[in-house]
Amino acid sequence: MIRDKKEINKLRNIRLLAMDIDGVLTDGGVYVFENGQEFRRFDIKDGLGLKQVVAKGIQIAWISAGVCKAAHHRAQRLGITEVHLGVKDKSSFLEQICQEKDISLGNVAYIGDDLTDLAVMQKVGMACAPADAVDGVKRVASYITRAPAGQGAVREICDLLLHTISDSK
């Protein structure tokens, strides 16, 4: 739930939706086969939401401390080109992306779920968290989804952005 009208106004100015991958786009589980190969589960509805947001002119960036090859495959299918894995300092990295794209951090919404996302969440215009994020992240989030990670949380935020864009026209 959006806490106040200022937050709604922030949504109208979002130009970049950035997010973590594990625990945001996925349910946070790491599935490991006996041969050691890992895989992740992504939600189809999140993917459609991301495509719709891109169609309205909002850019997307995935930034993860982890290294998940499946993320590149999923992003490619969605047409997302800003996929950055193995990022240790997400906050500085996002600042670099924003500088390259000439986007103010105030015009960024970021979705994070765990402590490695706190620093970046405190710098952006709109900090969001899935319902099952850790408590420290929920405390700094302006918006907490009803849906858990990997089960429509990203779609919920996409729909919120789309609704806000259509209301402002």
C-alpha atoms as a PDB file:
ATOM      1  CA  MET A   1       0.000   0.000   0.000  1.00  0.00           C
ATOM      2  CA  ILE A   2       1.258   3.481  -0.860  1.00  0.00           C
ATOM      3  CA  ARG A   3       1.661   5.475   2.332  1.00  0.00           C
ATOM      4  CA  ASP A   4       0.868   9.001   1.103  1.00  0.00           C
ATOM      5  CA  LYS A   5       0.273  11.246  -1.913  1.00  0.00           C
ATOM      6  CA  LYS A   6       3.964  12.192  -2.112  1.00  0.00           C
ATOM      7  CA  GLU A   7       4.735   8.547  -2.853  1.00  0.00           C
ATOM      8  CA  ILE A   8       2.149   8.492  -5.652  1.00  0.00           C
ATOM      9  CA  ASN A   9       3.755  11.601  -7.158  1.00  0.00           C
ATOM     10  CA  LYS A  10       7.152   9.881  -7.019  1.00  0.00           C
ATOM     11  CA  LEU A  11       5.729   7.014  -9.065  1.00  0.00           C
ATOM     12  CA  ARG A  12       4.723   9.406 -11.831  1.00  0.00           C
ATOM     13  CA  ASN A  13       8.381  10.395 -12.253  1.00  0.00           C
ATOM     14  CA  ILE A  14       9.917   6.912 -12.405  1.00  0.00           C
ATOM     15  CA  ARG A  15      12.107   6.441 -15.489  1.00  0.00           C
ATOM     16  CA  LEU A  16      14.053   3.349 -14.370  1.00  0.00           C
ATOM     17  CA  LEU A  17      12.832   0.266 -12.515  1.00  0.00           C
ATOM     18  CA  ALA A  18      15.835  -1.547 -11.054  1.00  0.00           C
ATOM     19  CA  MET A  19      15.762  -4.704  -8.993  1.00  0.00           C
ATOM     20  CA  ASP A  20      17.623  -7.549  -7.420  1.00  0.00           C
ATOM     21  CA  ILE A  21      17.057 -10.973  -8.953  1.00  0.00           C
ATOM     22  CA  ASP A  22      17.145 -13.717  -6.303  1.00  0.00           C
ATOM     23  CA  GLY A  23      14.352 -13.133  -3.800  1.00  0.00           C
ATOM     24  CA  VAL A  24      12.658 -10.560  -6.052  1.00  0.00           C
ATOM     25  CA  LEU A  25      12.216 -12.066  -9.527  1.00  0.00           C
ATOM     26  CA  THR A  26      12.624 -15.554  -8.068  1.00  0.00           C
ATOM     27  CA  ASP A  27      11.271 -17.084  -4.872  1.00  0.00           C
ATOM     28  CA  GLY A  28      14.767 -16.979  -3.406  1.00  0.00           C
ATOM     29  CA  GLY A  29      15.206 -20.729  -3.635  1.00  0.00           C
ATOM     30  CA  VAL A  30      18.254 -22.240  -5.262  1.00  0.00           C
ATOM     31  CA  TYR A  31      17.460 -25.586  -6.824  1.00  0.00           C
ATOM     32  CA  VAL A  32      20.505 -27.813  -7.191  1.00  0.00           C
ATOM     33  CA  PHE A  33      20.697 -30.942  -9.313  1.00  0.00           C
ATOM     34  CA  GLU A  34      22.918 -33.835  -8.242  1.00  0.00           C
ATOM     35  CA  ASN A  35      25.526 -32.727 -10.793  1.00  0.00           C
ATOM     36  CA  GLY A  36      25.759 -29.343  -9.019  1.00  0.00           C
ATOM     37  CA  GLN A  37      23.924 -27.360 -11.680  1.00  0.00           C
ATOM     38  CA  GLU A  38      21.583 -24.724 -10.229  1.00  0.00           C
ATOM     39  CA  PHE A  39      18.337 -23.330 -11.558  1.00  0.00           C
ATOM     40  CA  ARG A  40      15.825 -20.656 -10.603  1.00  0.00           C
ATOM     41  CA  ARG A  41      12.070 -20.279 -11.101  1.00  0.00           C
ATOM     42  CA  PHE A  42      10.771 -17.019 -12.618  1.00  0.00           C
ATOM     43  CA  ASP A  43       7.120 -15.950 -12.682  1.00  0.00           C
ATOM     44  CA  ILE A  44       5.538 -15.498 -16.130  1.00  0.00           C
ATOM     45  CA  LYS A  45       3.245 -12.737 -14.855  1.00  0.00           C
ATOM     46  CA  ASP A  46       6.244 -10.711 -13.671  1.00  0.00           C
ATOM     47  CA  GLY A  47       7.665 -11.001 -17.190  1.00  0.00           C
ATOM     48  CA  LEU A  48       4.549  -9.616 -18.839  1.00  0.00           C
ATOM     49  CA  GLY A  49       4.444  -6.764 -16.331  1.00  0.00           C
ATOM     50  CA  LEU A  50       8.044  -5.865 -17.165  1.00  0.00           C
ATOM     51  CA  LYS A  51       7.270  -5.897 -20.890  1.00  0.00           C
ATOM     52  CA  GLN A  52       4.302  -3.579 -20.325  1.00  0.00           C
ATOM     53  CA  VAL A  53       6.383  -1.137 -18.275  1.00  0.00           C
ATOM     54  CA  VAL A  54       9.058  -1.047 -20.983  1.00  0.00           C
ATOM     55  CA  ALA A  55       6.363  -0.347 -23.577  1.00  0.00           C
ATOM     56  CA  LYS A  56       5.411   2.756 -21.554  1.00  0.00           C
ATOM     57  CA  GLY A  57       8.991   4.053 -21.662  1.00  0.00           C
ATOM     58  CA  ILE A  58      10.339   2.945 -18.300  1.00  0.00           C
ATOM     59  CA  GLN A  59      13.754   1.305 -18.495  1.00  0.00           C
ATOM     60  CA  ILE A  60      14.613  -1.889 -16.581  1.00  0.00           C
ATOM     61  CA  ALA A  61      17.840  -2.942 -14.864  1.00  0.00           C
ATOM     62  CA  TRP A  62      18.566  -6.165 -12.998  1.00  0.00           C
ATOM     63  CA  ILE A  63      21.411  -5.925 -10.490  1.00  0.00           C
ATOM     64  CA  SER A  64      22.454  -8.974  -8.479  1.00  0.00           C
ATOM     65  CA  ALA A  65      25.320  -9.894  -6.190  1.00  0.00           C
ATOM     66  CA  GLY A  66      24.774 -13.490  -7.265  1.00  0.00           C
ATOM     67  CA  VAL A  67      25.722 -15.075 -10.541  1.00  0.00           C
ATOM     68  CA  CYS A  68      22.805 -16.885 -12.131  1.00  0.00           C
ATOM     69  CA  LYS A  69      23.103 -17.829 -15.798  1.00  0.00           C
ATOM     70  CA  ALA A  70      19.344 -18.351 -15.955  1.00  0.00           C
ATOM     71  CA  ALA A  71      18.881 -14.615 -15.376  1.00  0.00           C
ATOM     72  CA  HIS A  72      20.589 -13.818 -18.681  1.00  0.00           C
ATOM     73  CA  HIS A  73      18.349 -16.278 -20.526  1.00  0.00           C
ATOM     74  CA  ARG A  74      15.197 -14.915 -18.885  1.00  0.00           C
ATOM     75  CA  ALA A  75      16.193 -11.297 -19.531  1.00  0.00           C
ATOM     76  CA  GLN A  76      16.952 -12.049 -23.168  1.00  0.00           C
ATOM     77  CA  ARG A  77      13.473 -13.516 -23.642  1.00  0.00           C
ATOM     78  CA  LEU A  78      11.986 -10.348 -22.141  1.00  0.00           C
ATOM     79  CA  GLY A  79      14.204  -7.977 -24.127  1.00  0.00           C
ATOM     80  CA  ILE A  80      15.965  -6.665 -21.031  1.00  0.00           C
ATOM     81  CA  THR A  81      19.568  -5.725 -21.764  1.00  0.00           C
ATOM     82  CA  GLU A  82      20.644  -4.219 -18.427  1.00  0.00           C
ATOM     83  CA  VAL A  83      21.500  -7.409 -16.523  1.00  0.00           C
ATOM     84  CA  HIS A  84      24.416  -7.145 -14.131  1.00  0.00           C
ATOM     85  CA  LEU A  85      25.561 -10.134 -12.070  1.00  0.00           C
ATOM     86  CA  GLY A  86      28.230 -10.442  -9.405  1.00  0.00           C
ATOM     87  CA  VAL A  87      27.791  -6.805  -8.349  1.00  0.00           C
ATOM     88  CA  LYS A  88      29.208  -6.279  -4.867  1.00  0.00           C
ATOM     89  CA  ASP A  89      28.233  -2.601  -4.423  1.00  0.00           C
ATOM     90  CA  LYS A  90      24.754  -2.246  -5.919  1.00  0.00           C
ATOM     91  CA  SER A  91      24.413   1.350  -4.805  1.00  0.00           C
ATOM     92  CA  SER A  92      27.516   2.598  -6.640  1.00  0.00           C
ATOM     93  CA  PHE A  93      26.681   0.424  -9.625  1.00  0.00           C
ATOM     94  CA  LEU A  94      23.175   1.883  -9.904  1.00  0.00           C
ATOM     95  CA  GLU A  95      24.625   5.389  -9.650  1.00  0.00           C
ATOM     96  CA  GLN A  96      26.868   4.533 -12.611  1.00  0.00           C
ATOM     97  CA  ILE A  97      23.916   3.221 -14.649  1.00  0.00           C
ATOM     98  CA  CYS A  98      21.927   6.362 -13.867  1.00  0.00           C
ATOM     99  CA  GLN A  99      24.800   8.587 -14.871  1.00  0.00           C
ATOM    100  CA  GLU A 100      25.159   6.756 -18.203  1.00  0.00           C
ATOM    101  CA  LYS A 101      21.412   7.033 -18.852  1.00  0.00           C
ATOM    102  CA  ASP A 102      21.145  10.616 -17.527  1.00  0.00           C
ATOM    103  CA  ILE A 103      18.533   9.571 -14.961  1.00  0.00           C
ATOM    104  CA  SER A 104      18.406  11.008 -11.449  1.00  0.00           C
ATOM    105  CA  LEU A 105      18.316   8.512  -8.569  1.00  0.00           C
ATOM    106  CA  GLY A 106      15.110  10.266  -7.565  1.00  0.00           C
ATOM    107  CA  ASN A 107      13.547   8.916 -10.761  1.00  0.00           C
ATOM    108  CA  VAL A 108      14.433   5.308  -9.933  1.00  0.00           C
ATOM    109  CA  ALA A 109      12.268   2.677  -8.275  1.00  0.00           C
ATOM    110  CA  TYR A 110      14.251  -0.225  -6.806  1.00  0.00           C
ATOM    111  CA  ILE A 111      12.914  -3.581  -5.616  1.00  0.00           C
ATOM    112  CA  GLY A 112      15.019  -5.359  -3.019  1.00  0.00           C
ATOM    113  CA  ASP A 113      14.496  -8.131  -0.520  1.00  0.00           C
ATOM    114  CA  ASP A 114      17.581  -8.484   1.674  1.00  0.00           C
ATOM    115  CA  LEU A 115      20.264  -6.565   3.538  1.00  0.00           C
ATOM    116  CA  THR A 116      22.504  -6.238   0.452  1.00  0.00           C
ATOM    117  CA  ASP A 117      19.780  -4.031  -1.047  1.00  0.00           C
ATOM    118  CA  LEU A 118      19.469  -1.546   1.823  1.00  0.00           C
ATOM    119  CA  ALA A 119      22.088   0.981   0.703  1.00  0.00           C
ATOM    120  CA  VAL A 120      20.642   1.282  -2.791  1.00  0.00           C
ATOM    121  CA  MET A 121      17.062   1.412  -1.496  1.00  0.00           C
ATOM    122  CA  GLN A 122      17.935   4.385   0.701  1.00  0.00           C
ATOM    123  CA  LYS A 123      19.177   6.394  -2.314  1.00  0.00           C
ATOM    124  CA  VAL A 124      16.366   5.944  -4.842  1.00  0.00           C
ATOM    125  CA  GLY A 125      13.119   7.818  -5.299  1.00  0.00           C
ATOM    126  CA  MET A 126      10.918   4.800  -4.596  1.00  0.00           C
ATOM    127  CA  ALA A 127      12.060   1.789  -2.561  1.00  0.00           C
ATOM    128  CA  CYS A 128       9.927  -1.344  -2.908  1.00  0.00           C
ATOM    129  CA  ALA A 129      10.024  -4.782  -1.296  1.00  0.00           C
ATOM    130  CA  PRO A 130       8.257  -8.113  -1.803  1.00  0.00           C
ATOM    131  CA  ALA A 131       5.940  -9.272   0.982  1.00  0.00           C
ATOM    132  CA  ASP A 132       8.513 -11.813   2.173  1.00  0.00           C
ATOM    133  CA  ALA A 133      11.501  -9.437   2.294  1.00  0.00           C
ATOM    134  CA  VAL A 134      13.510  -9.264   5.511  1.00  0.00           C
ATOM    135  CA  ASP A 135      12.239  -6.845   8.153  1.00  0.00           C
ATOM    136  CA  GLY A 136      15.127  -4.374   7.736  1.00  0.00           C
ATOM    137  CA  VAL A 137      14.260  -3.941   4.070  1.00  0.00           C
ATOM    138  CA  LYS A 138      10.548  -3.593   4.781  1.00  0.00           C
ATOM    139  CA  ARG A 139      11.307  -0.754   7.217  1.00  0.00           C
ATOM    140  CA  VAL A 140      12.887   1.380   4.455  1.00  0.00           C
ATOM    141  CA  ALA A 141      10.445   0.410   1.699  1.00  0.00           C
ATOM    142  CA  SER A 142       7.841   2.930   0.565  1.00  0.00           C
ATOM    143  CA  TYR A 143       5.853   0.095  -0.963  1.00  0.00           C
ATOM    144  CA  ILE A 144       5.595  -3.517   0.212  1.00  0.00           C
ATOM    145  CA  THR A 145       3.797  -5.878  -2.138  1.00  0.00           C
ATOM    146  CA  ARG A 146       1.029  -8.217  -1.081  1.00  0.00           C
ATOM    147  CA  ALA A 147       2.582 -10.944  -3.241  1.00  0.00           C
ATOM    148  CA  PRO A 148       5.774 -12.759  -2.251  1.00  0.00           C
ATOM    149  CA  ALA A 149       8.917 -12.771  -4.369  1.00  0.00           C
ATOM    150  CA  GLY A 150       8.794 -14.883  -7.511  1.00  0.00           C
ATOM    151  CA  GLN A 151       5.015 -15.084  -7.254  1.00  0.00           C
ATOM    152  CA  GLY A 152       3.835 -11.797  -8.696  1.00  0.00           C
ATOM    153  CA  ALA A 153       5.598  -9.207  -6.523  1.00  0.00           C
ATOM    154  CA  VAL A 154       7.308  -7.592  -9.515  1.00  0.00           C
ATOM    155  CA  ARG A 155       4.060  -7.654 -11.510  1.00  0.00           C
ATOM    156  CA  GLU A 156       2.308  -5.887  -8.657  1.00  0.00           C
ATOM    157  CA  ILE A 157       4.836  -3.057  -8.786  1.00  0.00           C
ATOM    158  CA  CYS A 158       4.663  -2.936 -12.594  1.00  0.00           C
ATOM    159  CA  ASP A 159       0.859  -2.692 -12.415  1.00  0.00           C
ATOM    160  CA  LEU A 160       1.166   0.091  -9.836  1.00  0.00           C
ATOM    161  CA  LEU A 161       3.506   2.024 -12.143  1.00  0.00           C
ATOM    162  CA  LEU A 162       1.239   1.445 -15.147  1.00  0.00           C
ATOM    163  CA  HIS A 163      -1.837   2.548 -13.196  1.00  0.00           C
ATOM    164  CA  THR A 164      -0.058   5.700 -12.025  1.00  0.00           C
ATOM    165  CA  ILE A 165       1.116   6.494 -15.572  1.00  0.00           C
ATOM    166  CA  SER A 166      -2.418   6.128 -16.976  1.00  0.00           C
ATOM    167  CA  ASP A 167      -3.899   8.245 -14.140  1.00  0.00           C
ATOM    168  CA  SER A 168      -1.516  11.116 -14.869  1.00  0.00           C
ATOM    169  CA  LYS A 169      -2.656  11.441 -18.499  1.00  0.00           C
END
